[in-house]
Amino acid sequence: MRAIEIVEHALHLQPAVKPSPAAHQVLIRVAAAGVNRPDLMQRQGLYPPPAGASPILGLEVAGTVVETGDQVLHVSVGDEVCALVTGGGYADYCLASASCCLPIPAGFSFIEAAALPETLFTVWSNVFDRGHLAPGESLLVHGGGSGIGTTAIQLAKAMGNTVYVTAGSEDKCRRCLALGADAAIDYRQQDFVEAIGQLTADQGVNLILDMIGGDYLPRNLKCLASEGRLVQIAIQNGAKSEINLWAVMTKRLTITGSTLRGRDDGFKSRIGQQLKAKVWPLLAGGGIKPVIDSVYPLANAEQAHARMASNQHFGKIVLEI
């Protein structure tokens, strides 16, 4: 088979050994694979794969099951699935835990399906599971134009929430509003703390989903309402910050966060079952649809990464295998 290999931080399409599934795994003939920012971090040596994971990049795929392990019962050869994986997606074939496979929603192409797992698992597990966002509450999403952001806007609106986002251009803000965001703040032109104060009559928001970290942390705390929650899922501005703990105490705030890749299959399976029950009907009915920024052939993975690194994309970048 072919796979993208990292050679001195550059991406090259090279021959590779086709893997064989363990008892709980399936082998997927990959039709499309999502590109995510952790892929860029891994090629830089900043995000090593967990023990036992493939060193090949790629955290989400869509394709056809061609082989199953001895203990796999609910997925069969010939099934068309999308899957959350711990690595290996940038290749002709990829192993996935059977428990992390979901059927491709009705009417979805492989490219659209490949854009689902990483963002939906991340948003559901952090916004609704960890963040406990309840109907009627408000959500602030930093990076509204990202794959995570465009997914969070649509999913939270479908669940009955008010959604505010930040984005880095007037065009991205406009497109976030078109997806359903109640307000979009161009962080290059406006202080998002002041904007949230104006939008909420200084009451603040109930939940913040943040991918930035660093100097955003104390500013996020100013945006939270009493009993508000901050969920940290990435640290693009750095891992360290200084905060005023008095604000945490007096407003009874919760600061939490998570990473998804290293969680065990049991956790991911539980999230997957929640998605299948609550989100898959919305996908099939057209209530939520992945936003595809661009599609590149596997051999052009380097260009796909450059597109993501430029921060000019809106929605998901996908490799077609």
C-alpha atoms as a PDB file:
ATOM      1  CA  MET A   1       0.000   0.000   0.000  1.00  0.00           C
ATOM      2  CA  ARG A   2       0.937   3.687  -0.118  1.00  0.00           C
ATOM      3  CA  ALA A   3       1.235   5.939   2.914  1.00  0.00           C
ATOM      4  CA  ILE A   4       2.458   9.410   3.779  1.00  0.00           C
ATOM      5  CA  GLU A   5       5.717   9.185   5.713  1.00  0.00           C
ATOM      6  CA  ILE A   6       7.413  12.006   7.642  1.00  0.00           C
ATOM      7  CA  VAL A   7      10.989  12.476   6.427  1.00  0.00           C
ATOM      8  CA  GLU A   8      12.827  15.287   8.225  1.00  0.00           C
ATOM      9  CA  HIS A   9       9.492  17.001   8.937  1.00  0.00           C
ATOM     10  CA  ALA A  10       8.458  16.823   5.263  1.00  0.00           C
ATOM     11  CA  LEU A  11       5.674  14.618   3.888  1.00  0.00           C
ATOM     12  CA  HIS A  12       6.378  11.992   1.234  1.00  0.00           C
ATOM     13  CA  LEU A  13       4.145   9.360  -0.364  1.00  0.00           C
ATOM     14  CA  GLN A  14       5.987   6.048  -0.068  1.00  0.00           C
ATOM     15  CA  PRO A  15       5.317   2.289  -0.142  1.00  0.00           C
ATOM     16  CA  ALA A  16       4.317   0.855   3.254  1.00  0.00           C
ATOM     17  CA  VAL A  17       3.305  -2.499   4.714  1.00  0.00           C
ATOM     18  CA  LYS A  18      -0.446  -3.102   4.797  1.00  0.00           C
ATOM     19  CA  PRO A  19      -1.450  -3.751   8.426  1.00  0.00           C
ATOM     20  CA  SER A  20      -3.518  -6.685   9.697  1.00  0.00           C
ATOM     21  CA  PRO A  21      -6.312  -6.226  12.239  1.00  0.00           C
ATOM     22  CA  ALA A  22      -6.057  -7.432  15.811  1.00  0.00           C
ATOM     23  CA  ALA A  23      -9.024  -9.264  17.339  1.00  0.00           C
ATOM     24  CA  HIS A  24     -10.966  -6.053  18.118  1.00  0.00           C
ATOM     25  CA  GLN A  25     -10.012  -4.132  14.986  1.00  0.00           C
ATOM     26  CA  VAL A  26     -11.115  -3.729  11.387  1.00  0.00           C
ATOM     27  CA  LEU A  27      -9.052  -2.908   8.304  1.00  0.00           C
ATOM     28  CA  ILE A  28     -10.507  -0.072   6.235  1.00  0.00           C
ATOM     29  CA  ARG A  29      -9.751   0.602   2.593  1.00  0.00           C
ATOM     30  CA  VAL A  30      -9.469   4.358   2.977  1.00  0.00           C
ATOM     31  CA  ALA A  31     -11.361   6.565   0.531  1.00  0.00           C
ATOM     32  CA  ALA A  32     -10.790   9.854   2.362  1.00  0.00           C
ATOM     33  CA  ALA A  33      -9.006  11.099   5.483  1.00  0.00           C
ATOM     34  CA  GLY A  34      -9.487  14.286   7.464  1.00  0.00           C
ATOM     35  CA  VAL A  35      -6.597  16.675   8.091  1.00  0.00           C
ATOM     36  CA  ASN A  36      -6.341  18.061  11.631  1.00  0.00           C
ATOM     37  CA  ARG A  37      -4.024  20.434  13.447  1.00  0.00           C
ATOM     38  CA  PRO A  38      -2.573  17.624  15.617  1.00  0.00           C
ATOM     39  CA  ASP A  39      -1.216  16.175  12.358  1.00  0.00           C
ATOM     40  CA  LEU A  40       0.843  19.334  11.890  1.00  0.00           C
ATOM     41  CA  MET A  41       2.062  19.104  15.475  1.00  0.00           C
ATOM     42  CA  GLN A  42       3.035  15.443  15.098  1.00  0.00           C
ATOM     43  CA  ARG A  43       5.174  16.073  12.021  1.00  0.00           C
ATOM     44  CA  GLN A  44       7.010  18.743  14.036  1.00  0.00           C
ATOM     45  CA  GLY A  45       7.693  16.266  16.835  1.00  0.00           C
ATOM     46  CA  LEU A  46       5.363  18.046  19.254  1.00  0.00           C
ATOM     47  CA  TYR A  47       2.572  15.460  19.485  1.00  0.00           C
ATOM     48  CA  PRO A  48       3.864  11.889  19.438  1.00  0.00           C
ATOM     49  CA  PRO A  49       1.330   9.108  18.866  1.00  0.00           C
ATOM     50  CA  PRO A  50       0.258   7.121  21.938  1.00  0.00           C
ATOM     51  CA  ALA A  51       1.818   3.740  22.608  1.00  0.00           C
ATOM     52  CA  GLY A  52       0.787   1.161  20.058  1.00  0.00           C
ATOM     53  CA  ALA A  53      -0.614   3.664  17.571  1.00  0.00           C
ATOM     54  CA  SER A  54       0.506   3.882  13.962  1.00  0.00           C
ATOM     55  CA  PRO A  55       3.217   6.505  13.361  1.00  0.00           C
ATOM     56  CA  ILE A  56       1.447   7.423  10.115  1.00  0.00           C
ATOM     57  CA  LEU A  57      -0.514  10.668  10.320  1.00  0.00           C
ATOM     58  CA  GLY A  58      -4.302  10.778  10.203  1.00  0.00           C
ATOM     59  CA  LEU A  59      -6.902  10.693  12.978  1.00  0.00           C
ATOM     60  CA  GLU A  60     -10.119  10.146  11.005  1.00  0.00           C
ATOM     61  CA  VAL A  61     -11.019   8.193   7.893  1.00  0.00           C
ATOM     62  CA  ALA A  62     -13.923   7.055   5.771  1.00  0.00           C
ATOM     63  CA  GLY A  63     -13.923   3.984   3.579  1.00  0.00           C
ATOM     64  CA  THR A  64     -14.906   0.357   3.222  1.00  0.00           C
ATOM     65  CA  VAL A  65     -14.184  -2.450   5.686  1.00  0.00           C
ATOM     66  CA  VAL A  66     -12.129  -5.148   3.950  1.00  0.00           C
ATOM     67  CA  GLU A  67     -11.120  -7.340   6.921  1.00  0.00           C
ATOM     68  CA  THR A  68     -12.265  -7.828  10.521  1.00  0.00           C
ATOM     69  CA  GLY A  69     -10.666  -9.254  13.646  1.00  0.00           C
ATOM     70  CA  ASP A  70     -11.890 -12.439  15.285  1.00  0.00           C
ATOM     71  CA  GLN A  71     -13.838 -10.662  18.036  1.00  0.00           C
ATOM     72  CA  VAL A  72     -15.600  -8.102  15.830  1.00  0.00           C
ATOM     73  CA  LEU A  73     -19.333  -8.757  15.693  1.00  0.00           C
ATOM     74  CA  HIS A  74     -21.147  -5.552  14.734  1.00  0.00           C
ATOM     75  CA  VAL A  75     -19.022  -4.477  11.736  1.00  0.00           C
ATOM     76  CA  SER A  76     -18.774  -6.608   8.606  1.00  0.00           C
ATOM     77  CA  VAL A  77     -16.634  -6.781   5.499  1.00  0.00           C
ATOM     78  CA  GLY A  78     -18.182  -4.478   2.900  1.00  0.00           C
ATOM     79  CA  ASP A  79     -19.572  -1.977   5.408  1.00  0.00           C
ATOM     80  CA  GLU A  80     -18.964   1.664   4.537  1.00  0.00           C
ATOM     81  CA  VAL A  81     -17.868   3.442   7.711  1.00  0.00           C
ATOM     82  CA  CYS A  82     -16.185   6.494   9.114  1.00  0.00           C
ATOM     83  CA  ALA A  83     -13.853   5.982  12.042  1.00  0.00           C
ATOM     84  CA  LEU A  84     -11.938   7.835  14.703  1.00  0.00           C
ATOM     85  CA  VAL A  85      -8.397   6.409  14.760  1.00  0.00           C
ATOM     86  CA  THR A  86      -5.227   7.048  16.767  1.00  0.00           C
ATOM     87  CA  GLY A  87      -3.126   7.247  13.593  1.00  0.00           C
ATOM     88  CA  GLY A  88      -2.675   5.721  10.167  1.00  0.00           C
ATOM     89  CA  GLY A  89      -5.263   7.650   8.157  1.00  0.00           C
ATOM     90  CA  TYR A  90      -2.949   9.037   5.476  1.00  0.00           C
ATOM     91  CA  ALA A  91      -2.711   5.678   3.701  1.00  0.00           C
ATOM     92  CA  ASP A  92      -4.533   3.294   1.394  1.00  0.00           C
ATOM     93  CA  TYR A  93      -5.453   1.069   4.346  1.00  0.00           C
ATOM     94  CA  CYS A  94      -5.962   1.945   8.009  1.00  0.00           C
ATOM     95  CA  LEU A  95      -6.704  -0.024  11.164  1.00  0.00           C
ATOM     96  CA  ALA A  96      -9.530   1.114  13.416  1.00  0.00           C
ATOM     97  CA  SER A  97     -11.056  -0.203  16.579  1.00  0.00           C
ATOM     98  CA  ALA A  98     -14.443  -1.625  15.607  1.00  0.00           C
ATOM     99  CA  SER A  99     -15.976   0.242  18.548  1.00  0.00           C
ATOM    100  CA  CYS A 100     -14.850   3.572  17.045  1.00  0.00           C
ATOM    101  CA  CYS A 101     -16.493   2.954  13.661  1.00  0.00           C
ATOM    102  CA  LEU A 102     -19.802   4.543  12.719  1.00  0.00           C
ATOM    103  CA  PRO A 103     -21.930   4.023   9.612  1.00  0.00           C
ATOM    104  CA  ILE A 104     -21.667   6.692   6.962  1.00  0.00           C
ATOM    105  CA  PRO A 105     -24.806   8.862   7.259  1.00  0.00           C
ATOM    106  CA  ALA A 106     -27.372   8.483   4.506  1.00  0.00           C
ATOM    107  CA  GLY A 107     -26.546  10.608   1.492  1.00  0.00           C
ATOM    108  CA  PHE A 108     -23.002  11.415   2.604  1.00  0.00           C
ATOM    109  CA  SER A 109     -19.979  11.015   0.347  1.00  0.00           C
ATOM    110  CA  PHE A 110     -16.757   9.478   1.652  1.00  0.00           C
ATOM    111  CA  ILE A 111     -15.206  12.960   1.660  1.00  0.00           C
ATOM    112  CA  GLU A 112     -18.015  14.383   3.796  1.00  0.00           C
ATOM    113  CA  ALA A 113     -17.934  11.358   6.114  1.00  0.00           C
ATOM    114  CA  ALA A 114     -14.164  11.678   6.633  1.00  0.00           C
ATOM    115  CA  ALA A 115     -14.769  15.182   8.006  1.00  0.00           C
ATOM    116  CA  LEU A 116     -17.027  13.911  10.800  1.00  0.00           C
ATOM    117  CA  PRO A 117     -15.263  11.769  13.440  1.00  0.00           C
ATOM    118  CA  GLU A 118     -12.565  14.019  14.927  1.00  0.00           C
ATOM    119  CA  THR A 119     -14.741  17.117  15.129  1.00  0.00           C
ATOM    120  CA  LEU A 120     -17.932  15.426  16.316  1.00  0.00           C
ATOM    121  CA  PHE A 121     -16.226  13.266  18.930  1.00  0.00           C
ATOM    122  CA  THR A 122     -14.306  16.334  20.161  1.00  0.00           C
ATOM    123  CA  VAL A 123     -17.264  18.701  20.273  1.00  0.00           C
ATOM    124  CA  TRP A 124     -19.694  16.224  21.824  1.00  0.00           C
ATOM    125  CA  SER A 125     -17.281  14.958  24.477  1.00  0.00           C
ATOM    126  CA  ASN A 126     -16.125  18.439  25.499  1.00  0.00           C
ATOM    127  CA  VAL A 127     -19.166  20.658  25.036  1.00  0.00           C
ATOM    128  CA  PHE A 128     -21.991  18.351  26.085  1.00  0.00           C
ATOM    129  CA  ASP A 129     -20.322  15.564  28.076  1.00  0.00           C
ATOM    130  CA  ARG A 130     -17.542  17.370  29.935  1.00  0.00           C
ATOM    131  CA  GLY A 131     -18.901  20.914  29.604  1.00  0.00           C
ATOM    132  CA  HIS A 132     -22.520  19.976  30.466  1.00  0.00           C
ATOM    133  CA  LEU A 133     -23.992  22.543  28.080  1.00  0.00           C
ATOM    134  CA  ALA A 134     -27.739  22.532  28.684  1.00  0.00           C
ATOM    135  CA  PRO A 135     -30.486  23.724  26.324  1.00  0.00           C
ATOM    136  CA  GLY A 136     -30.926  27.469  26.577  1.00  0.00           C
ATOM    137  CA  GLU A 137     -27.378  28.129  27.768  1.00  0.00           C
ATOM    138  CA  SER A 138     -24.812  30.183  25.867  1.00  0.00           C
ATOM    139  CA  LEU A 139     -21.564  29.005  24.289  1.00  0.00           C
ATOM    140  CA  LEU A 140     -18.508  30.930  23.121  1.00  0.00           C
ATOM    141  CA  VAL A 141     -16.311  29.107  20.599  1.00  0.00           C
ATOM    142  CA  HIS A 142     -12.879  30.431  19.756  1.00  0.00           C
ATOM    143  CA  GLY A 143     -11.873  29.608  16.196  1.00  0.00           C
ATOM    144  CA  GLY A 144     -15.357  29.605  14.716  1.00  0.00           C
ATOM    145  CA  GLY A 145     -14.025  29.000  11.214  1.00  0.00           C
ATOM    146  CA  SER A 146     -12.138  25.812  12.088  1.00  0.00           C
ATOM    147  CA  GLY A 147     -13.473  22.303  11.638  1.00  0.00           C
ATOM    148  CA  ILE A 148     -14.211  22.203  15.358  1.00  0.00           C
ATOM    149  CA  GLY A 149     -15.791  25.639  15.247  1.00  0.00           C
ATOM    150  CA  THR A 150     -18.085  25.032  12.294  1.00  0.00           C
ATOM    151  CA  THR A 151     -19.210  21.776  13.880  1.00  0.00           C
ATOM    152  CA  ALA A 152     -19.771  23.342  17.303  1.00  0.00           C
ATOM    153  CA  ILE A 153     -21.888  26.139  15.837  1.00  0.00           C
ATOM    154  CA  GLN A 154     -24.257  23.763  14.089  1.00  0.00           C
ATOM    155  CA  LEU A 155     -24.452  21.194  16.861  1.00  0.00           C
ATOM    156  CA  ALA A 156     -25.039  23.688  19.671  1.00  0.00           C
ATOM    157  CA  LYS A 157     -27.707  25.506  17.667  1.00  0.00           C
ATOM    158  CA  ALA A 158     -29.412  22.189  16.975  1.00  0.00           C
ATOM    159  CA  MET A 159     -29.423  21.521  20.718  1.00  0.00           C
ATOM    160  CA  GLY A 160     -31.081  24.857  21.522  1.00  0.00           C
ATOM    161  CA  ASN A 161     -28.143  27.020  22.557  1.00  0.00           C
ATOM    162  CA  THR A 162     -27.044  30.587  21.903  1.00  0.00           C
ATOM    163  CA  VAL A 163     -23.685  30.518  20.122  1.00  0.00           C
ATOM    164  CA  TYR A 164     -21.048  33.234  19.939  1.00  0.00           C
ATOM    165  CA  VAL A 165     -17.788  32.766  18.066  1.00  0.00           C
ATOM    166  CA  THR A 166     -14.504  34.513  17.411  1.00  0.00           C
ATOM    167  CA  ALA A 167     -12.868  34.380  13.992  1.00  0.00           C
ATOM    168  CA  GLY A 168      -9.948  36.074  12.265  1.00  0.00           C
ATOM    169  CA  SER A 169     -11.596  37.947   9.404  1.00  0.00           C
ATOM    170  CA  GLU A 170     -14.785  39.666   8.368  1.00  0.00           C
ATOM    171  CA  ASP A 171     -15.403  36.943   5.790  1.00  0.00           C
ATOM    172  CA  LYS A 172     -15.053  34.140   8.342  1.00  0.00           C
ATOM    173  CA  CYS A 173     -17.382  35.977  10.705  1.00  0.00           C
ATOM    174  CA  ARG A 174     -19.955  36.331   7.950  1.00  0.00           C
ATOM    175  CA  ARG A 175     -19.757  32.619   7.148  1.00  0.00           C
ATOM    176  CA  CYS A 176     -20.093  31.673  10.832  1.00  0.00           C
ATOM    177  CA  LEU A 177     -23.273  33.744  11.009  1.00  0.00           C
ATOM    178  CA  ALA A 178     -24.565  31.941   7.919  1.00  0.00           C
ATOM    179  CA  LEU A 179     -24.022  28.623   9.749  1.00  0.00           C
ATOM    180  CA  GLY A 180     -26.224  29.822  12.591  1.00  0.00           C
ATOM    181  CA  ALA A 181     -23.967  31.650  15.046  1.00  0.00           C
ATOM    182  CA  ASP A 182     -25.857  34.353  16.934  1.00  0.00           C
ATOM    183  CA  ALA A 183     -22.865  36.685  16.853  1.00  0.00           C
ATOM    184  CA  ALA A 184     -19.355  36.537  15.400  1.00  0.00           C
ATOM    185  CA  ILE A 185     -16.475  38.632  16.709  1.00  0.00           C
ATOM    186  CA  ASP A 186     -13.498  39.495  14.503  1.00  0.00           C
ATOM    187  CA  TYR A 187     -10.769  39.186  17.129  1.00  0.00           C
ATOM    188  CA  ARG A 188      -8.341  41.166  14.963  1.00  0.00           C
ATOM    189  CA  GLN A 189     -10.654  44.190  15.047  1.00  0.00           C
ATOM    190  CA  GLN A 190     -12.418  43.913  18.402  1.00  0.00           C
ATOM    191  CA  ASP A 191     -11.627  42.867  21.960  1.00  0.00           C
ATOM    192  CA  PHE A 192     -13.702  39.724  22.431  1.00  0.00           C
ATOM    193  CA  VAL A 193     -14.018  40.385  26.189  1.00  0.00           C
ATOM    194  CA  GLU A 194     -15.699  43.718  25.517  1.00  0.00           C
ATOM    195  CA  ALA A 195     -17.838  42.214  22.763  1.00  0.00           C
ATOM    196  CA  ILE A 196     -19.114  39.384  24.981  1.00  0.00           C
ATOM    197  CA  GLY A 197     -19.888  41.926  27.689  1.00  0.00           C
ATOM    198  CA  GLN A 198     -22.001  43.907  25.246  1.00  0.00           C
ATOM    199  CA  LEU A 199     -23.720  40.826  23.815  1.00  0.00           C
ATOM    200  CA  THR A 200     -24.665  39.435  27.231  1.00  0.00           C
ATOM    201  CA  ALA A 201     -25.358  42.680  29.094  1.00  0.00           C
ATOM    202  CA  ASP A 202     -22.244  41.929  31.183  1.00  0.00           C
ATOM    203  CA  GLN A 203     -23.698  38.609  32.357  1.00  0.00           C
ATOM    204  CA  GLY A 204     -21.157  36.457  30.488  1.00  0.00           C
ATOM    205  CA  VAL A 205     -21.531  33.082  28.797  1.00  0.00           C
ATOM    206  CA  ASN A 206     -22.155  29.695  30.377  1.00  0.00           C
ATOM    207  CA  LEU A 207     -19.469  27.757  28.516  1.00  0.00           C
ATOM    208  CA  ILE A 208     -16.328  28.515  26.501  1.00  0.00           C
ATOM    209  CA  LEU A 209     -14.679  26.031  24.145  1.00  0.00           C
ATOM    210  CA  ASP A 210     -11.114  27.231  23.675  1.00  0.00           C
ATOM    211  CA  MET A 211      -8.342  26.039  21.369  1.00  0.00           C
ATOM    212  CA  ILE A 212      -6.018  28.990  21.975  1.00  0.00           C
ATOM    213  CA  GLY A 213      -4.811  28.917  25.586  1.00  0.00           C
ATOM    214  CA  GLY A 214      -1.937  31.133  26.698  1.00  0.00           C
ATOM    215  CA  ASP A 215      -3.024  34.733  27.181  1.00  0.00           C
ATOM    216  CA  TYR A 216      -6.629  33.842  26.353  1.00  0.00           C
ATOM    217  CA  LEU A 217      -7.111  32.131  29.715  1.00  0.00           C
ATOM    218  CA  PRO A 218      -7.530  35.225  31.960  1.00  0.00           C
ATOM    219  CA  ARG A 219      -9.612  36.904  29.259  1.00  0.00           C
ATOM    220  CA  ASN A 220     -11.846  33.849  29.032  1.00  0.00           C
ATOM    221  CA  LEU A 221     -12.502  33.978  32.764  1.00  0.00           C
ATOM    222  CA  LYS A 222     -13.759  37.547  32.365  1.00  0.00           C
ATOM    223  CA  CYS A 223     -16.243  36.301  29.745  1.00  0.00           C
ATOM    224  CA  LEU A 224     -17.762  33.576  31.926  1.00  0.00           C
ATOM    225  CA  ALA A 225     -21.013  33.956  33.813  1.00  0.00           C
ATOM    226  CA  SER A 226     -21.351  32.790  37.398  1.00  0.00           C
ATOM    227  CA  GLU A 227     -21.057  28.976  37.475  1.00  0.00           C
ATOM    228  CA  GLY A 228     -19.495  29.177  34.017  1.00  0.00           C
ATOM    229  CA  ARG A 229     -17.217  26.509  32.576  1.00  0.00           C
ATOM    230  CA  LEU A 230     -14.083  26.809  30.460  1.00  0.00           C
ATOM    231  CA  VAL A 231     -13.099  23.715  28.451  1.00  0.00           C
ATOM    232  CA  GLN A 232      -9.571  23.790  27.022  1.00  0.00           C
ATOM    233  CA  ILE A 233      -8.903  21.496  24.046  1.00  0.00           C
ATOM    234  CA  ALA A 234      -5.745  22.987  22.502  1.00  0.00           C
ATOM    235  CA  ILE A 235      -3.028  25.517  23.328  1.00  0.00           C
ATOM    236  CA  GLN A 236      -2.080  27.341  20.141  1.00  0.00           C
ATOM    237  CA  ASN A 237      -0.910  30.387  22.152  1.00  0.00           C
ATOM    238  CA  GLY A 238       1.005  28.319  24.691  1.00  0.00           C
ATOM    239  CA  ALA A 239       0.484  26.117  27.739  1.00  0.00           C
ATOM    240  CA  LYS A 240       1.147  28.693  30.454  1.00  0.00           C
ATOM    241  CA  SER A 241      -0.828  31.639  31.748  1.00  0.00           C
ATOM    242  CA  GLU A 242      -1.431  33.659  34.912  1.00  0.00           C
ATOM    243  CA  ILE A 243      -4.924  34.041  36.296  1.00  0.00           C
ATOM    244  CA  ASN A 244      -6.723  35.717  39.148  1.00  0.00           C
ATOM    245  CA  LEU A 245      -7.998  32.893  41.337  1.00  0.00           C
ATOM    246  CA  TRP A 246     -10.286  35.299  43.156  1.00  0.00           C
ATOM    247  CA  ALA A 247     -12.416  35.498  40.010  1.00  0.00           C
ATOM    248  CA  VAL A 248     -12.609  31.698  39.915  1.00  0.00           C
ATOM    249  CA  MET A 249     -13.725  31.596  43.527  1.00  0.00           C
ATOM    250  CA  THR A 250     -16.234  34.441  43.526  1.00  0.00           C
ATOM    251  CA  LYS A 251     -17.946  33.367  40.269  1.00  0.00           C
ATOM    252  CA  ARG A 252     -17.626  29.638  41.141  1.00  0.00           C
ATOM    253  CA  LEU A 253     -16.004  28.882  37.795  1.00  0.00           C
ATOM    254  CA  THR A 254     -14.865  25.518  36.486  1.00  0.00           C
ATOM    255  CA  ILE A 255     -11.689  25.207  34.401  1.00  0.00           C
ATOM    256  CA  THR A 256     -11.264  21.856  32.711  1.00  0.00           C
ATOM    257  CA  GLY A 257      -9.959  20.366  29.491  1.00  0.00           C
ATOM    258  CA  SER A 258      -9.089  17.202  27.670  1.00  0.00           C
ATOM    259  CA  THR A 259      -7.318  15.547  24.787  1.00  0.00           C
ATOM    260  CA  LEU A 260      -9.054  12.859  22.771  1.00  0.00           C
ATOM    261  CA  ARG A 261      -6.378  10.811  21.037  1.00  0.00           C
ATOM    262  CA  GLY A 262      -5.060   9.016  24.109  1.00  0.00           C
ATOM    263  CA  ARG A 263      -8.460   8.095  25.579  1.00  0.00           C
ATOM    264  CA  ASP A 264      -9.280   4.385  25.652  1.00  0.00           C
ATOM    265  CA  ASP A 265     -11.645   2.660  23.271  1.00  0.00           C
ATOM    266  CA  GLY A 266     -14.287   2.304  25.971  1.00  0.00           C
ATOM    267  CA  PHE A 267     -14.563   6.070  26.368  1.00  0.00           C
ATOM    268  CA  LYS A 268     -14.584   6.678  22.626  1.00  0.00           C
ATOM    269  CA  SER A 269     -17.181   3.961  22.123  1.00  0.00           C
ATOM    270  CA  ARG A 270     -19.516   5.606  24.647  1.00  0.00           C
ATOM    271  CA  ILE A 271     -19.191   8.940  22.871  1.00  0.00           C
ATOM    272  CA  GLY A 272     -19.730   7.211  19.540  1.00  0.00           C
ATOM    273  CA  GLN A 273     -22.965   5.633  20.731  1.00  0.00           C
ATOM    274  CA  GLN A 274     -24.220   9.019  21.922  1.00  0.00           C
ATOM    275  CA  LEU A 275     -23.381  10.505  18.529  1.00  0.00           C
ATOM    276  CA  LYS A 276     -25.164   7.685  16.708  1.00  0.00           C
ATOM    277  CA  ALA A 277     -28.290   8.166  18.812  1.00  0.00           C
ATOM    278  CA  LYS A 278     -28.441  11.959  18.973  1.00  0.00           C
ATOM    279  CA  VAL A 279     -26.402  13.400  16.093  1.00  0.00           C
ATOM    280  CA  TRP A 280     -26.596  10.838  13.274  1.00  0.00           C
ATOM    281  CA  PRO A 281     -30.337  11.529  12.772  1.00  0.00           C
ATOM    282  CA  LEU A 282     -29.505  15.239  12.402  1.00  0.00           C
ATOM    283  CA  LEU A 283     -26.858  14.421   9.803  1.00  0.00           C
ATOM    284  CA  ALA A 284     -29.187  12.146   7.857  1.00  0.00           C
ATOM    285  CA  GLY A 285     -31.912  14.784   7.985  1.00  0.00           C
ATOM    286  CA  GLY A 286     -29.655  17.592   6.792  1.00  0.00           C
ATOM    287  CA  GLY A 287     -29.774  19.520  10.054  1.00  0.00           C
ATOM    288  CA  ILE A 288     -25.989  19.371  10.353  1.00  0.00           C
ATOM    289  CA  LYS A 289     -23.522  19.103   7.500  1.00  0.00           C
ATOM    290  CA  PRO A 290     -19.723  19.225   7.532  1.00  0.00           C
ATOM    291  CA  VAL A 291     -18.207  22.323   5.984  1.00  0.00           C
ATOM    292  CA  ILE A 292     -15.537  21.236   3.493  1.00  0.00           C
ATOM    293  CA  ASP A 293     -12.901  23.872   2.814  1.00  0.00           C
ATOM    294  CA  SER A 294     -10.795  21.927   0.310  1.00  0.00           C
ATOM    295  CA  VAL A 295      -9.914  18.443  -0.920  1.00  0.00           C
ATOM    296  CA  TYR A 296      -6.404  17.296  -1.904  1.00  0.00           C
ATOM    297  CA  PRO A 297      -5.162  14.006  -3.343  1.00  0.00           C
ATOM    298  CA  LEU A 298      -3.097  11.948  -0.902  1.00  0.00           C
ATOM    299  CA  ALA A 299       0.106  12.757  -2.790  1.00  0.00           C
ATOM    300  CA  ASN A 300      -0.516  16.450  -2.085  1.00  0.00           C
ATOM    301  CA  ALA A 301      -0.678  16.111   1.705  1.00  0.00           C
ATOM    302  CA  GLU A 302       2.070  18.731   1.982  1.00  0.00           C
ATOM    303  CA  GLN A 303      -0.180  21.304   0.285  1.00  0.00           C
ATOM    304  CA  ALA A 304      -3.056  20.327   2.548  1.00  0.00           C
ATOM    305  CA  HIS A 305      -0.890  21.003   5.589  1.00  0.00           C
ATOM    306  CA  ALA A 306       0.224  24.329   4.138  1.00  0.00           C
ATOM    307  CA  ARG A 307      -3.420  25.286   3.711  1.00  0.00           C
ATOM    308  CA  MET A 308      -4.130  24.513   7.354  1.00  0.00           C
ATOM    309  CA  ALA A 309      -0.975  26.272   8.578  1.00  0.00           C
ATOM    310  CA  SER A 310      -1.999  29.422   6.691  1.00  0.00           C
ATOM    311  CA  ASN A 311      -5.157  29.697   8.835  1.00  0.00           C
ATOM    312  CA  GLN A 312      -7.017  30.778   5.717  1.00  0.00           C
ATOM    313  CA  HIS A 313      -9.235  27.707   5.630  1.00  0.00           C
ATOM    314  CA  PHE A 314     -12.877  27.630   6.695  1.00  0.00           C
ATOM    315  CA  GLY A 315     -14.095  24.228   7.802  1.00  0.00           C
ATOM    316  CA  LYS A 316     -12.426  20.901   7.091  1.00  0.00           C
ATOM    317  CA  ILE A 317      -9.522  19.964   4.851  1.00  0.00           C
ATOM    318  CA  VAL A 318      -9.743  16.413   3.476  1.00  0.00           C
ATOM    319  CA  LEU A 319      -7.386  14.081   1.633  1.00  0.00           C
ATOM    320  CA  GLU A 320      -8.895  11.933  -1.096  1.00  0.00           C
ATOM    321  CA  ILE A 321      -7.150   8.565  -1.320  1.00  0.00           C
END
